[in-house]
Amino acid sequence: MSSRFMAWFNSPTGPRTTHFWGPVANWGFVVAGIADLTKTPDIISENMQVAMCIYSGLFMRFAWKVIPRNYLLLACHVSNETVQATQLSRKIMDMQGHTWYDEKYFKWIRERANKPAA
C-alpha cells in the first residue's frame, strides 16, 4: 500500500477513529433530507427542522474547533444545515399558503423521483 494511504489510514481522523465514522453516519441525515424533498410540505415537522438546524449549526462550530480539525464532519453539517433550512422554508411557505415556491423549485425533483428506473 502507498505511504499516503497508510498515513491517512493511521491518522487521527482516519477510518480507525470516531472522527471518521461519526461524520459518515451523519450523512444519513443529509440523504434523508434530500429524499424528503420529493414529499409534500404538509408532512414536514417544523419543530424537528428547527432542532436539526440548531444541531447542525452547533456541530459545525464543533467540527471547526476540535483538534484535529474535522473537515468531513464540517462538510456533513454544512450540507445538513442547507437541506434542513430548505425543508423548513418549504414548511413555512406551506403554512402561509404559498405553493409557487414548491412548484417552481421542486417540480423537477418530483418528476425525476417518479420516473421508473431504466
C-alpha atoms as a PDB file:
ATOM      1  CA  MET A   1       0.000   0.000   0.000  1.00  0.00           C
ATOM      2  CA  SER A   2       1.119   3.505  -0.641  1.00  0.00           C
ATOM      3  CA  SER A   3       2.617   5.541   2.144  1.00  0.00           C
ATOM      4  CA  ARG A   4      -0.007   8.294   1.650  1.00  0.00           C
ATOM      5  CA  PHE A   5      -2.843   5.830   2.149  1.00  0.00           C
ATOM      6  CA  MET A   6      -1.236   4.365   5.250  1.00  0.00           C
ATOM      7  CA  ALA A   7      -0.590   7.848   6.635  1.00  0.00           C
ATOM      8  CA  TRP A   8      -4.287   8.696   6.170  1.00  0.00           C
ATOM      9  CA  PHE A   9      -5.420   5.308   7.468  1.00  0.00           C
ATOM     10  CA  ASN A  10      -3.432   5.743  10.687  1.00  0.00           C
ATOM     11  CA  SER A  11      -4.110   9.476  11.090  1.00  0.00           C
ATOM     12  CA  PRO A  12      -6.180  10.921  13.979  1.00  0.00           C
ATOM     13  CA  THR A  13      -9.092  11.463  11.559  1.00  0.00           C
ATOM     14  CA  GLY A  14      -8.711   8.206   9.634  1.00  0.00           C
ATOM     15  CA  PRO A  15     -11.125   5.274   9.465  1.00  0.00           C
ATOM     16  CA  ARG A  16      -9.850   3.786  12.707  1.00  0.00           C
ATOM     17  CA  THR A  17     -11.455   6.590  14.746  1.00  0.00           C
ATOM     18  CA  THR A  18     -14.850   8.060  15.530  1.00  0.00           C
ATOM     19  CA  HIS A  19     -13.667  11.253  13.806  1.00  0.00           C
ATOM     20  CA  PHE A  20     -14.272   9.326  10.582  1.00  0.00           C
ATOM     21  CA  TRP A  21     -17.258   7.075  11.334  1.00  0.00           C
ATOM     22  CA  GLY A  22     -19.293   9.761  13.128  1.00  0.00           C
ATOM     23  CA  PRO A  23     -19.492  12.002  10.052  1.00  0.00           C
ATOM     24  CA  VAL A  24     -20.081   9.022   7.781  1.00  0.00           C
ATOM     25  CA  ALA A  25     -23.119   8.064   9.882  1.00  0.00           C
ATOM     26  CA  ASN A  26     -24.309  11.695   9.987  1.00  0.00           C
ATOM     27  CA  TRP A  27     -24.555  11.786   6.198  1.00  0.00           C
ATOM     28  CA  GLY A  28     -27.737   9.749   6.716  1.00  0.00           C
ATOM     29  CA  PHE A  29     -29.477  12.938   7.876  1.00  0.00           C
ATOM     30  CA  VAL A  30     -28.487  14.669   4.648  1.00  0.00           C
ATOM     31  CA  VAL A  31     -29.614  11.769   2.468  1.00  0.00           C
ATOM     32  CA  ALA A  32     -32.958  11.563   4.307  1.00  0.00           C
ATOM     33  CA  GLY A  33     -33.483  15.316   3.944  1.00  0.00           C
ATOM     34  CA  ILE A  34     -32.786  15.189   0.221  1.00  0.00           C
ATOM     35  CA  ALA A  35     -35.161  12.236  -0.168  1.00  0.00           C
ATOM     36  CA  ASP A  36     -37.860  14.219   1.665  1.00  0.00           C
ATOM     37  CA  LEU A  37     -37.669  16.984  -0.956  1.00  0.00           C
ATOM     38  CA  THR A  38     -39.901  14.819  -3.134  1.00  0.00           C
ATOM     39  CA  LYS A  39     -42.620  14.721  -0.464  1.00  0.00           C
ATOM     40  CA  THR A  40     -45.290  17.304   0.194  1.00  0.00           C
ATOM     41  CA  PRO A  41     -44.532  20.009   2.787  1.00  0.00           C
ATOM     42  CA  ASP A  42     -47.579  19.146   4.908  1.00  0.00           C
ATOM     43  CA  ILE A  43     -45.737  16.154   6.413  1.00  0.00           C
ATOM     44  CA  ILE A  44     -42.704  18.230   7.467  1.00  0.00           C
ATOM     45  CA  SER A  45     -42.365  18.792  11.213  1.00  0.00           C
ATOM     46  CA  GLU A  46     -41.293  22.383  11.807  1.00  0.00           C
ATOM     47  CA  ASN A  47     -40.118  21.516  15.333  1.00  0.00           C
ATOM     48  CA  MET A  48     -37.837  18.783  14.009  1.00  0.00           C
ATOM     49  CA  GLN A  49     -36.460  21.031  11.264  1.00  0.00           C
ATOM     50  CA  VAL A  50     -35.654  23.779  13.782  1.00  0.00           C
ATOM     51  CA  ALA A  51     -33.963  21.215  16.038  1.00  0.00           C
ATOM     52  CA  MET A  52     -31.922  19.849  13.117  1.00  0.00           C
ATOM     53  CA  CYS A  53     -30.866  23.372  12.077  1.00  0.00           C
ATOM     54  CA  ILE A  54     -29.722  24.177  15.623  1.00  0.00           C
ATOM     55  CA  TYR A  55     -27.965  20.804  15.898  1.00  0.00           C
ATOM     56  CA  SER A  56     -26.079  21.292  12.634  1.00  0.00           C
ATOM     57  CA  GLY A  57     -25.200  24.877  13.488  1.00  0.00           C
ATOM     58  CA  LEU A  58     -23.715  23.873  16.831  1.00  0.00           C
ATOM     59  CA  PHE A  59     -21.788  20.946  15.436  1.00  0.00           C
ATOM     60  CA  MET A  60     -20.396  22.990  12.540  1.00  0.00           C
ATOM     61  CA  ARG A  61     -18.624  25.047  15.179  1.00  0.00           C
ATOM     62  CA  PHE A  62     -17.515  21.888  16.995  1.00  0.00           C
ATOM     63  CA  ALA A  63     -16.105  20.400  13.774  1.00  0.00           C
ATOM     64  CA  TRP A  64     -14.141  23.597  13.210  1.00  0.00           C
ATOM     65  CA  LYS A  65     -12.817  23.920  16.773  1.00  0.00           C
ATOM     66  CA  VAL A  66     -11.966  20.286  17.539  1.00  0.00           C
ATOM     67  CA  ILE A  67      -8.330  19.302  17.169  1.00  0.00           C
ATOM     68  CA  PRO A  68      -7.553  17.783  14.741  1.00  0.00           C
ATOM     69  CA  ARG A  69      -9.980  19.850  12.659  1.00  0.00           C
ATOM     70  CA  ASN A  70     -12.631  17.558  11.186  1.00  0.00           C
ATOM     71  CA  TYR A  71     -13.418  18.706   7.644  1.00  0.00           C
ATOM     72  CA  LEU A  72     -15.579  15.661   6.904  1.00  0.00           C
ATOM     73  CA  LEU A  73     -17.841  16.481   9.854  1.00  0.00           C
ATOM     74  CA  LEU A  74     -17.910  20.153   8.872  1.00  0.00           C
ATOM     75  CA  ALA A  75     -18.957  19.318   5.299  1.00  0.00           C
ATOM     76  CA  CYS A  76     -21.629  16.978   6.622  1.00  0.00           C
ATOM     77  CA  HIS A  77     -23.155  19.610   8.902  1.00  0.00           C
ATOM     78  CA  VAL A  78     -22.973  22.386   6.292  1.00  0.00           C
ATOM     79  CA  SER A  79     -24.844  20.091   3.898  1.00  0.00           C
ATOM     80  CA  ASN A  80     -27.339  19.113   6.582  1.00  0.00           C
ATOM     81  CA  GLU A  81     -27.930  22.750   7.555  1.00  0.00           C
ATOM     82  CA  THR A  82     -28.646  23.589   3.911  1.00  0.00           C
ATOM     83  CA  VAL A  83     -31.071  20.695   3.438  1.00  0.00           C
ATOM     84  CA  GLN A  84     -32.901  21.236   6.742  1.00  0.00           C
ATOM     85  CA  ALA A  85     -33.184  25.016   6.192  1.00  0.00           C
ATOM     86  CA  THR A  86     -34.638  24.297   2.752  1.00  0.00           C
ATOM     87  CA  GLN A  87     -37.174  21.932   4.305  1.00  0.00           C
ATOM     88  CA  LEU A  88     -38.031  24.489   6.986  1.00  0.00           C
ATOM     89  CA  SER A  89     -38.562  27.190   4.361  1.00  0.00           C
ATOM     90  CA  ARG A  90     -40.832  24.813   2.426  1.00  0.00           C
ATOM     91  CA  LYS A  91     -42.889  24.230   5.588  1.00  0.00           C
ATOM     92  CA  ILE A  92     -43.137  27.951   6.373  1.00  0.00           C
ATOM     93  CA  MET A  93     -44.206  28.725   2.808  1.00  0.00           C
ATOM     94  CA  ASP A  94     -46.809  25.945   3.015  1.00  0.00           C
ATOM     95  CA  MET A  95     -48.141  27.260   6.349  1.00  0.00           C
ATOM     96  CA  GLN A  96     -48.535  30.705   4.760  1.00  0.00           C
ATOM     97  CA  GLY A  97     -50.490  29.185   1.900  1.00  0.00           C
ATOM     98  CA  HIS A  98     -47.876  29.677  -0.812  1.00  0.00           C
ATOM     99  CA  THR A  99     -47.456  26.881  -3.302  1.00  0.00           C
ATOM    100  CA  TRP A 100     -45.468  28.610  -6.038  1.00  0.00           C
ATOM    101  CA  TYR A 101     -42.156  28.049  -4.251  1.00  0.00           C
ATOM    102  CA  ASP A 102     -42.647  24.316  -4.010  1.00  0.00           C
ATOM    103  CA  GLU A 103     -43.949  24.016  -7.554  1.00  0.00           C
ATOM    104  CA  LYS A 104     -41.242  26.154  -9.109  1.00  0.00           C
ATOM    105  CA  TYR A 105     -38.164  24.814  -7.350  1.00  0.00           C
ATOM    106  CA  PHE A 106     -39.025  21.204  -6.606  1.00  0.00           C
ATOM    107  CA  LYS A 107     -41.102  20.212  -9.626  1.00  0.00           C
ATOM    108  CA  TRP A 108     -38.075  18.750 -11.410  1.00  0.00           C
ATOM    109  CA  ILE A 109     -37.163  16.699  -8.324  1.00  0.00           C
ATOM    110  CA  ARG A 110     -40.635  15.167  -8.162  1.00  0.00           C
ATOM    111  CA  GLU A 111     -40.623  14.424 -11.893  1.00  0.00           C
ATOM    112  CA  ARG A 112     -37.326  12.578 -11.663  1.00  0.00           C
ATOM    113  CA  ALA A 113     -38.302  10.750  -8.478  1.00  0.00           C
ATOM    114  CA  ASN A 114     -41.481   9.415 -10.082  1.00  0.00           C
ATOM    115  CA  LYS A 115     -39.775   8.160 -13.244  1.00  0.00           C
ATOM    116  CA  PRO A 116     -39.348   4.401 -13.366  1.00  0.00           C
ATOM    117  CA  ALA A 117     -35.766   3.170 -13.298  1.00  0.00           C
ATOM    118  CA  ALA A 118     -34.402   2.461 -16.756  1.00  0.00           C
END
